[in-house]
Amino acid sequence: MLHGMPCRSIALLFPMLLVLGCQSSPARTLDAPRAYVAGQPAVPPVIDGRLDDAAWADAPWTDDFIDIEGDVKPVPRFRTRAKMLWDEQYFYVAAWMPEPHVWGTLTARDSIIYNDNDFEVFIDPDGDSHDYYELEVNALNTQFDLMLTRPYRCGGSYDIGWDIDGLQTAVDIEGTLNDASDEDRLWTMEIAIPWSSLASHANRPIPPEDGDHWWVNFSRVEWQHELVDGVYRRKPGVREDNWVWSRQDAIDMHRPQYWGRVQFSAAAPGVAEYVVGDDEAARTTIRRIHAAAEQWSGANGQWPGSMDDLDGMWEPVSDPSIGTPQLTIEEGQLMVRLDQAMGDGTVRHWQLGPLCEVAYTK
């Protein structure tokens, strides 16, 4: 999303505008993505919206969701948490959302669901910021799913016609849906995403292998409402709240480099400890340089010409395996390159490409 209007809304209405510009976590630095270990249950949950399955009992909660822009904004008005599990067939997600007024209006599949209060899932299997997936579900259990080639601000496009084949979602409400005469307690959601539906663009093993890390984030969209003839509707002129698991540092969910890290473990839920990936230092370096370059570009109307232009604008990562980053402009596009010495004696050559792709070769 972009300031003043959701980025995804602009992209759906004016796609060329975006092409042109537009378990609790371990100890973490201020800008480190949140992390979670998803374990394998002995018996999978039944997807009915209720979180009373034995499968969920030992799965840890995520950290409470925060504002999409991070600590610079107030703590969300309502608490939000999630859990994750997996097996050979599905990636399971559970969401827990206190809400005094549960309402929804959209019933047609692939409606623009975030125009209602909703819960959203974002998945980038290989963390390259390309070929990632988005799912949105409202309190009426109406689904909206799409696949994106890359972030909108990096010239990305979307495919709403793409569907998560075999997707299961369900909602349970402790209260009464669309009834303004009483006060509700909360709504919960269960989601089962078949691995097979993600295989075409995952660019890595499906289902995940024990210890694999995927890039995942969640968003809860919450609108302030008013009643008109006893019917809920969004307050005119008041933008939505965006509460997320891992902060984005901008009102834009389409920044996969900021998404959380989910480690898939073959152990039972709640058993395995999170292990930071050996790529995290390099990815953090590239993420910080990219953020500084975008800030510099916003102030100067063009990309920086070298790393010298970014002096004092980003914090280097203290890691002896990380070499000196190189920034160049090639055919008007930003390129950042970085070498990382690995423990086995090999070198990873990292690159942030012109279309926001983060990739490396050994």
Protein backbone atom coordinates (compact mmCIF):
# COMPACT_ATOMS: atom_id res chain seq x y z
CA MET A 1 0.00 0.00 0.00
CA LEU A 2 1.05 3.58 -0.56
CA HIS A 3 0.48 6.55 1.73
CA GLY A 4 -3.02 7.95 1.34
CA MET A 5 -4.34 4.98 -0.61
CA PRO A 6 -3.58 1.27 -0.47
CA CYS A 7 -0.83 0.41 -2.95
CA ARG A 8 -2.81 -2.64 -4.00
CA SER A 9 -5.85 -0.44 -4.73
CA ILE A 10 -3.82 1.84 -6.99
CA ALA A 11 -2.33 -1.15 -8.77
CA LEU A 12 -5.73 -2.63 -9.47
CA LEU A 13 -7.07 0.66 -10.78
CA PHE A 14 -4.00 2.26 -12.37
CA PRO A 15 -1.31 -0.40 -12.85
CA MET A 16 1.02 1.85 -14.88
CA LEU A 17 1.22 4.34 -12.02
CA LEU A 18 2.95 1.74 -9.89
CA VAL A 19 5.26 0.71 -12.72
CA LEU A 20 6.50 4.27 -12.94
CA GLY A 21 6.99 4.98 -9.28
CA CYS A 22 4.93 4.49 -7.09
CA GLN A 23 6.57 -18.98 18.98
CA SER A 24 7.79 -15.59 19.88
CA SER A 25 10.70 -14.27 17.93
CA PRO A 26 14.24 -14.77 19.21
CA ALA A 27 16.33 -11.77 20.21
CA ARG A 28 16.25 -9.38 17.26
CA THR A 29 17.61 -6.05 16.16
CA LEU A 30 15.16 -3.24 15.64
CA ASP A 31 14.65 -3.92 11.93
CA ALA A 32 14.94 -7.73 12.01
CA PRO A 33 11.93 -9.58 10.61
CA ARG A 34 9.96 -11.64 13.10
CA ALA A 35 10.48 -15.39 13.12
CA TYR A 36 8.47 -18.53 13.87
CA VAL A 37 8.95 -22.30 13.88
CA ALA A 38 6.08 -24.25 12.30
CA GLY A 39 5.96 -27.84 13.56
CA GLN A 40 4.18 -30.93 12.29
CA PRO A 41 1.12 -32.13 14.27
CA ALA A 42 0.37 -35.81 14.81
CA VAL A 43 -3.17 -35.21 13.51
CA PRO A 44 -4.00 -32.27 11.23
CA PRO A 45 -6.58 -29.70 12.32
CA VAL A 46 -10.13 -29.81 11.03
CA ILE A 47 -10.71 -26.60 9.09
CA ASP A 48 -13.88 -25.31 10.73
CA GLY A 49 -12.69 -21.91 12.00
CA ARG A 50 -12.47 -23.01 15.63
CA LEU A 51 -9.04 -23.29 17.21
CA ASP A 52 -9.96 -26.14 19.55
CA ASP A 53 -8.11 -28.92 17.70
CA ALA A 54 -5.37 -30.74 19.58
CA ALA A 55 -3.08 -29.84 16.69
CA TRP A 56 -3.14 -26.17 17.71
CA ALA A 57 -2.70 -26.74 21.45
CA ASP A 58 1.11 -26.95 21.40
CA ALA A 59 1.69 -24.56 18.51
CA PRO A 60 3.04 -21.25 19.88
CA TRP A 61 1.37 -17.95 19.16
CA THR A 62 3.17 -15.41 17.06
CA ASP A 63 4.10 -12.11 18.65
CA ASP A 64 1.13 -9.75 18.82
CA PHE A 65 0.58 -7.88 15.58
CA ILE A 66 1.81 -4.29 15.37
CA ASP A 67 1.08 -1.33 13.12
CA ILE A 68 2.39 -1.81 9.61
CA GLU A 69 4.75 1.16 10.06
CA GLY A 70 6.17 -0.20 13.29
CA ASP A 71 6.68 1.51 16.63
CA VAL A 72 6.24 5.00 15.17
CA LYS A 73 2.49 4.36 15.23
CA PRO A 74 0.18 3.53 18.17
CA VAL A 75 -0.38 0.01 19.44
CA PRO A 76 -3.32 -1.56 17.56
CA ARG A 77 -6.75 -1.03 19.13
CA PHE A 78 -7.43 -4.79 19.06
CA ARG A 79 -5.03 -7.65 19.66
CA THR A 80 -4.20 -10.08 16.82
CA ARG A 81 -2.19 -13.30 16.92
CA ALA A 82 -1.59 -16.28 14.64
CA LYS A 83 -0.29 -19.85 14.70
CA MET A 84 1.23 -22.05 11.99
CA LEU A 85 1.54 -25.78 11.32
CA TRP A 86 2.39 -27.94 8.32
CA ASP A 87 2.37 -31.47 6.99
CA GLU A 88 3.08 -33.09 3.65
CA GLN A 89 -0.15 -31.76 2.13
CA TYR A 90 -0.86 -28.33 3.64
CA PHE A 91 0.47 -25.16 5.23
CA TYR A 92 -1.94 -24.36 8.09
CA VAL A 93 -2.59 -20.88 9.52
CA ALA A 94 -4.82 -19.92 12.45
CA ALA A 95 -5.78 -16.33 13.30
CA TRP A 96 -7.28 -14.99 16.55
CA MET A 97 -8.91 -11.55 16.36
CA PRO A 98 -10.86 -9.88 19.19
CA GLU A 99 -13.54 -7.66 17.68
CA PRO A 100 -16.58 -6.00 19.31
CA HIS A 101 -18.38 -5.68 15.97
CA VAL A 102 -17.88 -8.47 13.45
CA TRP A 103 -19.24 -7.46 10.07
CA GLY A 104 -18.71 -8.00 6.38
CA THR A 105 -20.36 -7.11 3.09
CA LEU A 106 -18.49 -8.85 0.24
CA THR A 107 -19.69 -12.29 -0.82
CA ALA A 108 -18.31 -12.74 -4.37
CA ARG A 109 -15.02 -14.62 -4.67
CA ASP A 110 -12.10 -12.44 -5.75
CA SER A 111 -13.86 -9.26 -4.70
CA ILE A 112 -11.40 -6.70 -3.35
CA ILE A 113 -11.75 -8.15 0.14
CA TYR A 114 -9.72 -5.57 2.05
CA ASN A 115 -12.63 -3.18 1.48
CA ASP A 116 -14.04 -5.15 4.43
CA ASN A 117 -12.21 -6.02 7.63
CA ASP A 118 -10.10 -9.02 6.71
CA PHE A 119 -7.16 -11.31 7.46
CA GLU A 120 -4.41 -11.65 4.86
CA VAL A 121 -1.57 -14.09 4.17
CA PHE A 122 1.51 -13.30 2.06
CA ILE A 123 3.99 -16.00 0.99
CA ASP A 124 7.29 -15.71 -0.88
CA PRO A 125 8.76 -19.23 -0.83
CA ASP A 126 12.35 -18.42 -1.83
CA GLY A 127 12.61 -14.85 -0.56
CA ASP A 128 13.61 -13.26 -3.87
CA SER A 129 10.69 -10.75 -3.84
CA HIS A 130 9.41 -12.30 -7.09
CA ASP A 131 6.56 -14.76 -7.71
CA TYR A 132 4.77 -14.43 -4.41
CA TYR A 133 1.24 -15.12 -3.24
CA GLU A 134 -1.51 -13.19 -1.45
CA LEU A 135 -4.71 -14.43 0.18
CA GLU A 136 -7.43 -12.31 1.82
CA VAL A 137 -10.47 -13.60 3.72
CA ASN A 138 -13.25 -11.61 5.43
CA ALA A 139 -15.67 -12.55 8.21
CA LEU A 140 -18.09 -13.94 5.63
CA ASN A 141 -15.33 -16.38 4.59
CA THR A 142 -15.12 -14.77 1.17
CA GLN A 143 -11.75 -15.43 -0.47
CA PHE A 144 -9.53 -13.29 -2.68
CA ASP A 145 -6.27 -14.84 -3.90
CA LEU A 146 -3.71 -13.73 -6.43
CA MET A 147 -0.15 -14.29 -7.56
CA LEU A 148 2.23 -11.36 -8.11
CA THR A 149 5.32 -11.28 -10.29
CA ARG A 150 7.11 -8.72 -8.08
CA PRO A 151 6.25 -5.67 -5.95
CA TYR A 152 4.08 -3.07 -7.66
CA ARG A 153 6.60 -0.27 -7.09
CA CYS A 154 9.16 -2.41 -8.94
CA GLY A 155 7.01 -2.81 -12.04
CA GLY A 156 5.15 -5.87 -10.81
CA SER A 157 1.89 -7.21 -12.17
CA TYR A 158 -0.77 -9.41 -10.62
CA ASP A 159 -2.85 -12.37 -11.68
CA ILE A 160 -6.24 -12.41 -9.98
CA GLY A 161 -7.28 -15.30 -12.22
CA TRP A 162 -4.76 -17.51 -10.44
CA ASP A 163 -6.39 -19.56 -7.68
CA ILE A 164 -5.07 -21.59 -4.75
CA ASP A 165 -6.46 -24.93 -5.92
CA GLY A 166 -7.78 -26.93 -3.00
CA LEU A 167 -7.72 -23.97 -0.61
CA GLN A 168 -9.67 -24.44 2.62
CA THR A 169 -10.72 -21.52 4.83
CA ALA A 170 -13.27 -21.27 7.63
CA VAL A 171 -14.39 -18.57 10.08
CA ASP A 172 -15.90 -18.91 13.55
CA ILE A 173 -17.49 -15.95 15.37
CA GLU A 174 -18.05 -15.56 19.08
CA GLY A 175 -20.94 -13.19 18.59
CA THR A 176 -23.38 -12.41 15.81
CA LEU A 177 -22.28 -11.44 12.32
CA ASN A 178 -23.64 -8.14 11.01
CA ASP A 179 -25.82 -7.54 14.06
CA ALA A 180 -25.26 -4.08 15.55
CA SER A 181 -27.67 -4.65 18.43
CA ASP A 182 -25.11 -6.53 20.52
CA GLU A 183 -21.37 -6.61 21.16
CA ASP A 184 -19.28 -9.48 19.85
CA ARG A 185 -16.15 -11.00 21.42
CA LEU A 186 -13.90 -12.17 18.58
CA TRP A 187 -13.57 -14.04 15.32
CA THR A 188 -11.13 -16.79 14.48
CA MET A 189 -9.99 -18.23 11.17
CA GLU A 190 -8.36 -21.42 9.95
CA ILE A 191 -6.61 -21.73 6.59
CA ALA A 192 -5.15 -24.77 4.83
CA ILE A 193 -3.07 -23.98 1.72
CA PRO A 194 -2.10 -27.02 -0.38
CA TRP A 195 1.60 -27.12 -1.17
CA SER A 196 0.75 -28.35 -4.65
CA SER A 197 -0.95 -25.03 -5.42
CA LEU A 198 2.31 -23.13 -4.76
CA ALA A 199 4.62 -25.45 -6.66
CA SER A 200 4.58 -23.67 -10.03
CA HIS A 201 6.38 -20.55 -8.76
CA ALA A 202 8.01 -21.68 -5.53
CA ASN A 203 11.43 -22.25 -7.11
CA ARG A 204 12.34 -24.61 -4.26
CA PRO A 205 11.26 -27.99 -2.82
CA ILE A 206 7.53 -28.51 -2.27
CA PRO A 207 6.58 -29.34 0.43
CA PRO A 208 9.40 -27.65 2.37
CA GLU A 209 12.27 -29.68 3.76
CA ASP A 210 13.04 -29.85 7.47
CA GLY A 211 14.78 -26.59 8.44
CA ASP A 212 13.76 -24.59 5.36
CA HIS A 213 12.92 -20.91 5.82
CA TRP A 214 10.10 -19.24 3.87
CA TRP A 215 9.15 -15.56 3.77
CA VAL A 216 5.64 -15.07 5.21
CA ASN A 217 3.65 -12.18 6.61
CA PHE A 218 0.12 -11.59 7.84
CA SER A 219 -2.02 -8.46 7.81
CA ARG A 220 -5.27 -7.60 9.55
CA VAL A 221 -7.19 -4.76 7.89
CA GLU A 222 -9.54 -2.96 10.28
CA TRP A 223 -11.90 -0.16 9.24
CA GLN A 224 -13.61 2.26 11.58
CA HIS A 225 -17.33 1.94 10.97
CA GLU A 226 -20.62 3.72 11.39
CA LEU A 227 -24.22 2.54 11.31
CA VAL A 228 -26.63 3.66 8.58
CA ASP A 229 -30.17 2.36 9.11
CA GLY A 230 -28.72 -0.30 11.39
CA VAL A 231 -26.22 -1.50 8.76
CA TYR A 232 -22.44 -1.36 9.15
CA ARG A 233 -20.40 0.68 6.72
CA ARG A 234 -16.93 2.20 6.64
CA LYS A 235 -16.60 5.76 7.94
CA PRO A 236 -16.18 8.02 4.92
CA GLY A 237 -12.80 9.72 4.68
CA VAL A 238 -11.17 7.54 7.35
CA ARG A 239 -8.49 5.19 6.10
CA GLU A 240 -8.05 1.66 7.34
CA ASP A 241 -5.75 0.40 10.08
CA ASN A 242 -3.17 -2.15 8.95
CA TRP A 243 -1.88 -4.46 11.68
CA VAL A 244 0.81 -6.94 10.73
CA TRP A 245 2.93 -9.71 12.19
CA SER A 246 6.27 -8.38 10.89
CA ARG A 247 6.54 -4.63 10.41
CA GLN A 248 6.87 -3.20 6.91
CA ASP A 249 8.16 0.29 7.81
CA ALA A 250 5.74 1.68 5.21
CA ILE A 251 2.05 1.41 4.42
CA ASP A 252 2.82 -1.22 1.81
CA MET A 253 2.54 -4.98 2.27
CA HIS A 254 4.36 -5.51 -1.01
CA ARG A 255 7.85 -5.33 0.49
CA PRO A 256 8.65 -9.05 0.83
CA GLN A 257 12.13 -8.35 2.18
CA TYR A 258 10.44 -7.18 5.42
CA TRP A 259 8.22 -10.23 5.83
CA GLY A 260 8.68 -12.66 8.70
CA ARG A 261 10.70 -15.86 8.51
CA VAL A 262 8.93 -19.20 8.98
CA GLN A 263 11.17 -22.18 9.67
CA PHE A 264 9.56 -25.53 8.89
CA SER A 265 10.44 -28.27 11.36
CA ALA A 266 9.70 -31.99 11.16
CA ALA A 267 9.42 -31.96 14.95
CA ALA A 268 6.13 -31.63 16.82
CA PRO A 269 4.77 -28.11 17.36
CA GLY A 270 6.55 -26.10 20.03
CA VAL A 271 9.64 -28.33 20.16
CA ALA A 272 12.25 -26.97 17.73
CA GLU A 273 14.17 -23.72 18.26
CA TYR A 274 14.47 -21.12 15.54
CA VAL A 275 17.84 -21.05 13.79
CA VAL A 276 18.78 -17.83 11.99
CA GLY A 277 19.55 -18.53 8.34
CA ASP A 278 23.09 -18.15 7.07
CA ASP A 279 21.76 -15.67 4.52
CA GLU A 280 20.21 -13.26 7.03
CA ALA A 281 23.23 -10.94 7.37
CA ALA A 282 23.51 -10.50 3.60
CA ARG A 283 19.78 -9.99 3.17
CA THR A 284 19.72 -7.44 6.00
CA THR A 285 22.58 -5.53 4.36
CA ILE A 286 20.80 -5.43 1.02
CA ARG A 287 17.50 -4.47 2.64
CA ARG A 288 19.06 -1.54 4.48
CA ILE A 289 20.91 -0.31 1.39
CA HIS A 290 17.75 -0.55 -0.70
CA ALA A 291 15.74 1.42 1.88
CA ALA A 292 18.43 4.11 2.01
CA ALA A 293 18.60 4.27 -1.79
CA GLU A 294 14.83 4.72 -2.03
CA GLN A 295 15.01 7.49 0.57
CA TRP A 296 17.85 9.17 -1.33
CA SER A 297 15.94 8.86 -4.60
CA GLY A 298 12.84 10.41 -3.07
CA ALA A 299 14.85 13.45 -1.99
CA ASN A 300 16.92 13.81 -5.17
CA GLY A 301 14.71 12.57 -7.97
CA GLN A 302 17.15 9.91 -9.13
CA TRP A 303 19.02 6.88 -7.87
CA PRO A 304 22.26 7.42 -5.94
CA GLY A 305 25.34 7.03 -8.10
CA SER A 306 27.44 5.11 -5.58
CA MET A 307 27.57 3.94 -1.98
CA ASP A 308 29.22 7.27 -1.11
CA ASP A 309 25.87 9.00 -1.63
CA LEU A 310 24.39 6.86 1.14
CA ASP A 311 26.99 7.64 3.81
CA GLY A 312 25.27 7.92 7.18
CA MET A 313 21.91 6.79 5.78
CA TRP A 314 22.16 3.10 6.63
CA GLU A 315 23.71 0.94 9.32
CA PRO A 316 26.19 -1.70 8.11
CA VAL A 317 25.78 -5.22 9.46
CA SER A 318 28.58 -6.36 11.75
CA ASP A 319 29.42 -9.72 10.20
CA PRO A 320 32.92 -10.71 9.01
CA SER A 321 31.50 -12.85 6.21
CA ILE A 322 30.02 -9.82 4.47
CA GLY A 323 32.15 -8.02 1.91
CA THR A 324 31.98 -4.39 0.85
CA PRO A 325 28.73 -3.70 -1.03
CA GLN A 326 28.92 -2.17 -4.49
CA LEU A 327 26.21 0.10 -5.91
CA THR A 328 25.95 0.94 -9.60
CA ILE A 329 23.35 2.30 -11.98
CA GLU A 330 22.91 0.22 -15.12
CA GLU A 331 20.56 1.44 -17.84
CA GLY A 332 18.98 3.76 -15.30
CA GLN A 333 18.31 0.97 -12.80
CA LEU A 334 19.72 0.42 -9.32
CA MET A 335 22.05 -2.56 -8.86
CA VAL A 336 23.58 -3.63 -5.54
CA ARG A 337 26.13 -6.44 -5.35
CA LEU A 338 27.60 -8.10 -2.30
CA ASP A 339 29.88 -11.09 -1.69
CA GLN A 340 29.46 -13.36 1.32
CA ALA A 341 32.13 -15.84 2.40
CA MET A 342 30.47 -19.07 3.55
CA GLY A 343 31.76 -21.47 6.19
CA ASP A 344 32.42 -24.21 3.61
CA GLY A 345 34.85 -22.00 1.70
CA THR A 346 32.45 -21.03 -1.08
CA VAL A 347 31.36 -17.47 -1.86
CA ARG A 348 27.80 -16.34 -2.43
CA HIS A 349 27.48 -13.51 -4.91
CA TRP A 350 24.39 -11.53 -3.88
CA GLN A 351 22.59 -9.13 -6.17
CA LEU A 352 19.67 -6.77 -5.81
CA GLY A 353 18.46 -6.44 -9.36
CA PRO A 354 16.70 -3.60 -11.15
CA LEU A 355 13.24 -5.05 -10.52
CA CYS A 356 13.77 -5.58 -6.77
CA GLU A 357 14.81 -9.20 -7.20
CA VAL A 358 17.15 -10.43 -4.45
CA ALA A 359 19.15 -13.42 -5.65
CA TYR A 360 22.49 -15.11 -5.15
CA THR A 361 24.69 -17.65 -6.85
CA LYS A 362 27.26 -19.79 -5.06
